[in-house]
Amino acid sequence: MNRHGITRRRLLAGAAATVAAAYVPRTALAATPDTLRIAVATAGGGDPITWGGSPGSVARLNGWVEDTFKNTGTRIEWLFFKGAGPAVNEAISNKQIDFAYHGDLPSTVGRSNGLKTRILLISGARNNLYVVTPPDSSINSIEALKDKRVSIFRGTNGHLVAVNLLAAHGLSERDIKGINLDSGSAQAALASRGIDASFGGSEFFKLRDQGLARVAFSTQGGDPSFTRQAHLHVRDEFASQYPEAVQRIVDVFVRAADWASDEKNRDELFKLWARSGTPYQSYVAEFEGQDLAVRNSPLIDEFIIGRYQAVVSDALKLKLIRREVSVDDWFDPSFLRQSLKSQGLESRWTYFDASGKAPGDPPAIVGS
């Protein structure tokens, strides 16, 4: 049997195990906790603090999570982390949070260190990565980054994409003068010319529109393997103890994904996300020429599974993790399947094949 077949069988077995765990008789469990804590792997902005670019923020700003727990006695806490994914891992380890909006690489690092979580759904797929420079810079390609001072927010879901982009253009991290800066610090350093370039996301469009930066390279419209994925996951212990609460959360995130996938809502969606402090025009630029239903799909498909497997492989090669991480039993689609069925959304989004370029069949982990 080829490796792909083995993987699909393992996914099937993993799905069966997680489904069994998810369907513990509800009568034996408390329906909802006193407090439910949702972490977001970004500092966020606005009032209330939120983030943009993800269907999850639609639920946040519309108060849908709070609404679904109304009259249950459960208090909802949203926690934002300037330290992004690595900081969220620490909070999970200390059991300070229950759910997390998290990127693919940092959550993989956490899992390699023994954090037990379940990926429930995707919430922000195919995020682009850019190389941004001062406006008068001569840098016009990845190759031109050689020997330049370049910031990379290490440990985040943009880190591996940056490394893979360098490799695809004949470079490694050793060929640049890499500097580890968080998003805010990188923007400040770029504006003050403390660095020559930075890898980053749509947050840099604000500097571009102010005339303080220029986009020298973009993954937009290119090979989807050079994109970043984000998801909603939950501590395994919490999911086992409060399956009804998990289902409520997934229902809300799926509802938000449905709304955020409707092209009629594009303008309103970007205005809503702009309440995070990232300008409306930045989202216009980030999503230009791209279908909302592709970017905001919650589905776990062959493309997503393949990307997470690739993240594990790349992280091992770069020694960002020290041991193999099983993807097979990480995804728990049982709550997602139930939500799609109950909301009549089973045909709402397209499943993509491993290349991410063509429609495919639901993988074994979803169809089990």
Protein backbone atom coordinates (compact mmCIF):
# COMPACT_ATOMS: atom_id res chain seq x y z
CA MET A 1 0.00 0.00 0.00
CA ASN A 2 1.36 3.45 -0.81
CA ARG A 3 2.01 6.10 1.82
CA HIS A 4 -1.11 8.05 0.88
CA GLY A 5 -3.27 4.97 1.42
CA ILE A 6 -1.68 4.36 4.80
CA THR A 7 -2.29 7.96 5.78
CA ARG A 8 -5.95 7.76 4.79
CA ARG A 9 -6.41 4.58 6.83
CA ARG A 10 -4.75 6.20 9.82
CA LEU A 11 -6.96 9.25 9.42
CA LEU A 12 -9.99 6.99 9.33
CA ALA A 13 -8.89 5.24 12.50
CA GLY A 14 -8.07 8.54 14.18
CA ALA A 15 -11.44 9.97 13.23
CA ALA A 16 -13.25 6.95 14.64
CA ALA A 17 -11.40 7.39 17.93
CA THR A 18 -12.16 11.08 18.22
CA VAL A 19 -15.79 10.54 17.25
CA ALA A 20 -16.10 7.95 19.99
CA ALA A 21 -14.58 10.40 22.46
CA ALA A 22 -16.86 13.20 21.32
CA TYR A 23 -20.02 11.20 21.77
CA VAL A 24 -19.75 10.41 25.43
CA PRO A 25 -23.34 10.32 26.75
CA ARG A 26 -24.21 13.95 27.36
CA THR A 27 -26.25 13.16 30.48
CA ALA A 28 -23.07 12.13 32.26
CA LEU A 29 -21.36 15.43 31.60
CA ALA A 30 -21.86 19.04 32.62
CA ALA A 31 -23.36 20.95 29.69
CA THR A 32 -21.34 24.13 30.01
CA PRO A 33 -18.48 25.42 32.20
CA ASP A 34 -18.62 28.44 34.49
CA THR A 35 -16.09 30.24 32.27
CA LEU A 36 -15.12 29.56 28.67
CA ARG A 37 -11.83 31.08 27.51
CA ILE A 38 -10.98 31.65 23.85
CA ALA A 39 -7.45 32.64 22.89
CA VAL A 40 -6.45 34.47 19.73
CA ALA A 41 -2.83 34.29 18.56
CA THR A 42 -2.45 38.01 17.90
CA ALA A 43 -2.39 41.18 19.96
CA GLY A 44 -5.52 42.39 18.18
CA GLY A 45 -6.86 45.90 18.32
CA GLY A 46 -9.98 48.04 18.51
CA ASP A 47 -12.67 48.27 21.15
CA PRO A 48 -13.62 45.59 21.97
CA ILE A 49 -10.27 44.05 21.10
CA THR A 50 -10.63 41.87 18.04
CA TRP A 51 -8.74 40.71 14.99
CA GLY A 52 -9.41 40.54 11.26
CA GLY A 53 -9.04 38.18 8.33
CA SER A 54 -10.84 35.27 9.97
CA PRO A 55 -14.50 34.22 10.22
CA GLY A 56 -13.90 33.85 13.94
CA SER A 57 -13.69 37.61 14.32
CA VAL A 58 -17.17 37.91 12.80
CA ALA A 59 -18.49 35.84 15.67
CA ARG A 60 -16.46 37.93 18.11
CA LEU A 61 -17.73 41.31 16.92
CA ASN A 62 -21.35 40.22 16.54
CA GLY A 63 -21.40 38.72 20.03
CA TRP A 64 -22.60 35.38 18.68
CA VAL A 65 -20.59 33.31 21.16
CA GLU A 66 -22.02 35.26 24.07
CA ASP A 67 -25.53 34.91 22.60
CA THR A 68 -25.33 31.15 22.30
CA PHE A 69 -24.32 30.83 25.96
CA LYS A 70 -26.91 33.31 27.19
CA ASN A 71 -28.84 32.02 30.20
CA THR A 72 -26.42 29.11 30.70
CA GLY A 73 -24.40 30.85 33.40
CA THR A 74 -21.22 30.56 31.32
CA ARG A 75 -19.01 33.64 31.14
CA ILE A 76 -17.05 34.15 27.90
CA GLU A 77 -13.49 35.46 27.99
CA TRP A 78 -11.54 36.46 24.85
CA LEU A 79 -7.78 36.58 25.38
CA PHE A 80 -5.36 38.16 22.87
CA PHE A 81 -1.65 37.38 22.80
CA LYS A 82 0.98 39.77 21.45
CA GLY A 83 3.41 36.86 21.54
CA ALA A 84 1.16 35.12 18.99
CA GLY A 85 1.33 31.32 18.61
CA PRO A 86 4.19 30.58 21.02
CA ALA A 87 2.46 32.53 23.80
CA VAL A 88 -0.79 30.68 23.15
CA ASN A 89 1.06 27.37 23.51
CA GLU A 90 2.25 28.41 26.95
CA ALA A 91 -1.31 29.33 27.95
CA ILE A 92 -2.59 25.95 26.76
CA SER A 93 0.14 24.20 28.71
CA ASN A 94 -0.90 26.05 31.85
CA LYS A 95 -4.60 25.34 31.19
CA GLN A 96 -5.30 29.07 31.13
CA ILE A 97 -7.42 28.79 27.97
CA ASP A 98 -9.89 26.31 26.50
CA PHE A 99 -10.07 27.17 22.79
CA ALA A 100 -7.51 28.86 20.56
CA TYR A 101 -7.45 30.51 17.15
CA HIS A 102 -3.98 29.34 16.20
CA GLY A 103 -1.61 29.00 13.26
CA ASP A 104 -0.36 25.76 11.77
CA LEU A 105 3.32 25.93 12.81
CA PRO A 106 2.97 27.12 16.42
CA SER A 107 0.26 24.59 17.16
CA THR A 108 2.46 21.87 15.65
CA VAL A 109 5.27 22.93 17.96
CA GLY A 110 2.89 22.76 20.89
CA ARG A 111 1.71 19.31 19.92
CA SER A 112 5.31 18.11 19.59
CA ASN A 113 5.82 19.26 23.18
CA GLY A 114 2.94 17.15 24.41
CA LEU A 115 0.01 19.59 24.27
CA LYS A 116 -3.18 17.61 23.75
CA THR A 117 -5.60 19.45 21.51
CA ARG A 118 -8.16 18.71 18.81
CA ILE A 119 -8.40 20.75 15.61
CA LEU A 120 -12.12 21.39 15.17
CA LEU A 121 -12.26 23.43 11.97
CA ILE A 122 -10.28 25.77 9.76
CA SER A 123 -10.75 29.48 10.39
CA GLY A 124 -8.63 31.45 7.98
CA ALA A 125 -7.18 29.38 5.14
CA ARG A 126 -4.63 30.28 2.49
CA ASN A 127 -3.38 33.45 4.13
CA ASN A 128 -0.89 35.23 1.89
CA LEU A 129 2.66 36.18 2.80
CA TYR A 130 4.49 39.26 1.54
CA VAL A 131 7.99 40.65 1.44
CA VAL A 132 7.78 44.34 2.29
CA THR A 133 10.59 46.89 1.98
CA PRO A 134 11.10 50.65 2.37
CA PRO A 135 9.51 52.44 -0.62
CA ASP A 136 12.80 53.33 -2.32
CA SER A 137 14.45 49.93 -1.81
CA SER A 138 16.08 48.17 -4.75
CA ILE A 139 14.85 44.78 -3.50
CA ASN A 140 12.45 43.36 -6.09
CA SER A 141 12.72 39.61 -5.57
CA ILE A 142 13.34 36.92 -2.98
CA GLU A 143 16.84 36.44 -4.35
CA ALA A 144 17.63 40.07 -3.60
CA LEU A 145 17.22 39.39 0.13
CA LYS A 146 20.65 37.78 0.28
CA ASP A 147 22.80 39.41 2.98
CA LYS A 148 19.98 41.85 3.84
CA ARG A 149 18.49 42.54 7.28
CA VAL A 150 15.16 40.74 7.10
CA SER A 151 12.63 40.30 9.89
CA ILE A 152 10.75 37.04 10.35
CA PHE A 153 8.35 36.46 13.24
CA ARG A 154 9.81 33.08 14.20
CA GLY A 155 7.53 30.38 15.53
CA THR A 156 4.44 31.76 13.80
CA ASN A 157 2.62 30.30 10.81
CA GLY A 158 4.49 32.72 8.52
CA HIS A 159 7.89 31.40 9.56
CA LEU A 160 7.89 28.15 7.58
CA VAL A 161 6.37 29.80 4.52
CA ALA A 162 9.17 32.37 4.59
CA VAL A 163 11.79 29.62 4.89
CA ASN A 164 10.20 27.66 2.03
CA LEU A 165 10.05 30.76 -0.16
CA LEU A 166 13.73 31.39 0.47
CA ALA A 167 14.52 27.77 -0.41
CA ALA A 168 12.46 27.92 -3.59
CA HIS A 169 14.65 30.82 -4.69
CA GLY A 170 17.97 29.23 -3.79
CA LEU A 171 18.42 30.77 -0.33
CA SER A 172 18.29 29.69 3.27
CA GLU A 173 17.88 31.59 6.52
CA ARG A 174 21.67 31.63 6.79
CA ASP A 175 21.85 33.68 3.59
CA ILE A 176 19.96 36.58 5.17
CA LYS A 177 20.59 38.57 8.31
CA GLY A 178 17.46 37.33 9.99
CA ILE A 179 15.91 39.28 12.84
CA ASN A 180 13.09 37.91 14.97
CA LEU A 181 10.45 40.65 15.39
CA ASP A 182 6.75 40.50 16.17
CA SER A 183 4.38 42.17 13.75
CA GLY A 184 4.21 45.56 15.46
CA SER A 185 7.96 45.76 15.98
CA ALA A 186 8.62 44.76 12.37
CA GLN A 187 6.37 47.53 11.09
CA ALA A 188 8.12 50.10 13.27
CA ALA A 189 11.55 48.85 12.22
CA LEU A 190 10.62 48.98 8.55
CA ALA A 191 9.19 52.48 8.81
CA SER A 192 12.35 53.69 10.56
CA ARG A 193 14.60 51.77 8.12
CA GLY A 194 16.03 49.67 10.90
CA ILE A 195 15.63 46.64 8.61
CA ASP A 196 15.86 46.17 4.86
CA ALA A 197 12.79 43.98 4.48
CA SER A 198 10.21 41.98 6.37
CA PHE A 199 8.10 38.91 5.77
CA GLY A 200 4.55 39.58 6.90
CA GLY A 201 0.85 39.64 6.20
CA SER A 202 -1.85 42.12 5.30
CA GLU A 203 -0.98 44.31 8.30
CA PHE A 204 1.84 45.79 6.18
CA PHE A 205 -0.56 47.26 3.62
CA LYS A 206 -1.21 50.07 6.09
CA LEU A 207 2.43 51.13 5.81
CA ARG A 208 2.27 50.79 2.04
CA ASP A 209 -0.77 53.04 1.81
CA GLN A 210 0.99 55.60 4.00
CA GLY A 211 3.90 55.64 1.59
CA LEU A 212 6.24 54.06 4.15
CA ALA A 213 6.64 50.65 2.51
CA ARG A 214 6.44 48.77 -0.75
CA VAL A 215 5.40 45.18 -1.46
CA ALA A 216 8.36 43.57 -3.23
CA PHE A 217 6.95 40.02 -3.39
CA SER A 218 3.57 38.38 -2.83
CA THR A 219 2.29 34.81 -2.70
CA GLN A 220 -1.13 36.02 -3.78
CA GLY A 221 -2.43 34.09 -6.76
CA GLY A 222 0.52 31.69 -6.67
CA ASP A 223 1.08 28.16 -5.46
CA PRO A 224 -1.27 27.62 -2.47
CA SER A 225 1.42 25.54 -0.76
CA PHE A 226 3.10 28.88 0.00
CA THR A 227 0.20 30.06 2.13
CA ARG A 228 -0.51 29.95 5.86
CA GLN A 229 -3.36 28.13 7.57
CA ALA A 230 -5.13 28.87 10.84
CA HIS A 231 -7.66 26.87 12.79
CA LEU A 232 -9.78 26.65 15.90
CA HIS A 233 -8.71 23.97 18.32
CA VAL A 234 -9.66 22.96 21.83
CA ARG A 235 -7.89 21.33 24.73
CA ASP A 236 -8.66 17.62 24.61
CA GLU A 237 -9.54 17.53 28.29
CA PHE A 238 -12.07 20.35 27.86
CA ALA A 239 -13.68 18.66 24.84
CA SER A 240 -14.11 15.43 26.78
CA GLN A 241 -15.65 17.22 29.75
CA TYR A 242 -17.86 19.72 27.90
CA PRO A 243 -18.83 18.33 24.47
CA GLU A 244 -22.04 20.36 24.39
CA ALA A 245 -20.08 23.59 24.87
CA VAL A 246 -17.69 22.57 22.10
CA GLN A 247 -20.63 21.97 19.76
CA ARG A 248 -22.04 25.40 20.55
CA ILE A 249 -18.71 27.04 19.73
CA VAL A 250 -18.32 25.13 16.47
CA ASP A 251 -21.89 26.01 15.48
CA VAL A 252 -21.11 29.70 15.94
CA PHE A 253 -17.84 29.55 14.00
CA VAL A 254 -19.55 27.70 11.14
CA ARG A 255 -22.33 30.28 11.10
CA ALA A 256 -19.70 33.01 10.94
CA ALA A 257 -17.85 31.20 8.14
CA ASP A 258 -21.08 30.97 6.15
CA TRP A 259 -21.70 34.70 6.49
CA ALA A 260 -18.08 35.57 5.72
CA SER A 261 -18.15 33.36 2.61
CA ASP A 262 -21.05 35.24 1.01
CA GLU A 263 -19.80 37.63 -1.68
CA LYS A 264 -22.78 39.91 -0.96
CA ASN A 265 -21.17 40.59 2.42
CA ARG A 266 -17.67 41.38 1.10
CA ASP A 267 -17.83 45.12 1.75
CA GLU A 268 -19.50 44.73 5.14
CA LEU A 269 -17.05 41.98 6.08
CA PHE A 270 -14.01 44.15 5.41
CA LYS A 271 -15.57 47.04 7.34
CA LEU A 272 -16.18 44.70 10.26
CA TRP A 273 -12.61 43.42 10.19
CA ALA A 274 -11.33 47.01 9.99
CA ARG A 275 -12.56 47.49 13.56
CA SER A 276 -9.43 45.58 14.57
CA GLY A 277 -7.30 48.58 13.57
CA THR A 278 -6.16 47.14 10.24
CA PRO A 279 -7.66 49.42 7.56
CA TYR A 280 -10.46 48.39 5.24
CA GLN A 281 -8.21 48.84 2.20
CA SER A 282 -5.76 46.32 3.60
CA TYR A 283 -8.39 43.59 3.42
CA VAL A 284 -9.39 44.72 -0.05
CA ALA A 285 -5.79 44.20 -1.10
CA GLU A 286 -5.36 40.89 0.77
CA PHE A 287 -8.48 39.33 -0.78
CA GLU A 288 -8.22 40.86 -4.24
CA GLY A 289 -9.26 38.37 -6.90
CA GLN A 290 -9.92 35.62 -4.36
CA ASP A 291 -13.21 33.91 -3.54
CA LEU A 292 -14.40 34.48 -0.01
CA ALA A 293 -15.80 30.95 0.10
CA VAL A 294 -12.33 29.50 -0.51
CA ARG A 295 -10.53 31.68 2.02
CA ASN A 296 -13.22 31.42 4.72
CA SER A 297 -14.14 27.74 4.38
CA PRO A 298 -14.12 25.81 7.67
CA LEU A 299 -13.60 22.47 5.92
CA ILE A 300 -10.85 20.01 6.72
CA ASP A 301 -9.97 18.68 3.28
CA GLU A 302 -7.04 16.94 1.59
CA PHE A 303 -5.30 20.25 1.01
CA ILE A 304 -5.49 21.20 4.68
CA ILE A 305 -4.39 17.76 5.86
CA GLY A 306 -1.50 17.86 3.41
CA ARG A 307 -0.40 21.31 4.54
CA TYR A 308 -0.29 20.24 8.19
CA GLN A 309 1.67 17.12 7.28
CA ALA A 310 4.10 19.32 5.34
CA VAL A 311 4.44 21.68 8.32
CA VAL A 312 5.41 18.74 10.52
CA SER A 313 7.97 17.54 7.97
CA ASP A 314 9.47 21.01 7.46
CA ALA A 315 9.58 21.73 11.18
CA LEU A 316 11.51 18.51 11.76
CA LYS A 317 14.03 19.37 9.04
CA LEU A 318 14.60 22.81 10.54
CA LYS A 319 14.76 21.33 14.05
CA LEU A 320 11.87 23.53 15.18
CA ILE A 321 10.45 20.35 16.68
CA ARG A 322 12.41 17.37 17.97
CA ARG A 323 10.05 14.51 17.32
CA GLU A 324 7.44 13.39 14.81
CA VAL A 325 3.93 14.75 15.31
CA SER A 326 0.92 12.65 14.38
CA VAL A 327 -1.56 14.51 12.22
CA ASP A 328 -3.77 11.45 11.82
CA ASP A 329 -5.52 11.78 15.17
CA TRP A 330 -5.24 15.54 15.56
CA PHE A 331 -8.28 16.55 13.53
CA ASP A 332 -11.66 15.95 15.13
CA PRO A 333 -14.30 16.77 12.49
CA SER A 334 -17.23 15.25 14.38
CA PHE A 335 -18.48 18.59 15.73
CA LEU A 336 -18.01 20.23 12.33
CA ARG A 337 -19.97 17.52 10.55
CA GLN A 338 -22.81 17.88 13.03
CA SER A 339 -22.83 21.64 12.59
CA LEU A 340 -22.84 21.47 8.79
CA LYS A 341 -25.76 19.05 8.94
CA SER A 342 -27.82 21.00 11.48
CA GLN A 343 -27.35 24.28 9.58
CA GLY A 344 -27.99 22.78 6.14
CA LEU A 345 -24.47 23.62 4.96
CA GLU A 346 -23.18 20.22 3.90
CA SER A 347 -22.76 21.44 0.30
CA ARG A 348 -21.82 25.03 1.14
CA TRP A 349 -18.06 24.80 0.52
CA THR A 350 -15.79 22.96 -1.89
CA TYR A 351 -13.42 20.24 -0.75
CA PHE A 352 -10.04 20.61 -2.48
CA ASP A 353 -7.50 17.96 -3.40
CA ALA A 354 -3.98 17.85 -2.00
CA SER A 355 -2.72 20.43 -4.51
CA GLY A 356 -5.33 22.93 -3.35
CA LYS A 357 -5.99 23.80 -6.97
CA ALA A 358 -8.83 21.46 -7.90
CA PRO A 359 -11.98 20.13 -6.24
CA GLY A 360 -11.60 16.79 -4.53
CA ASP A 361 -13.57 14.28 -2.52
CA PRO A 362 -13.94 14.58 1.24
CA PRO A 363 -10.97 12.76 2.83
CA ALA A 364 -11.44 9.72 5.01
CA ILE A 365 -11.21 11.76 8.21
CA VAL A 366 -14.21 13.84 7.16
CA GLY A 367 -16.27 11.12 5.56
CA SER A 368 -15.94 8.55 8.32
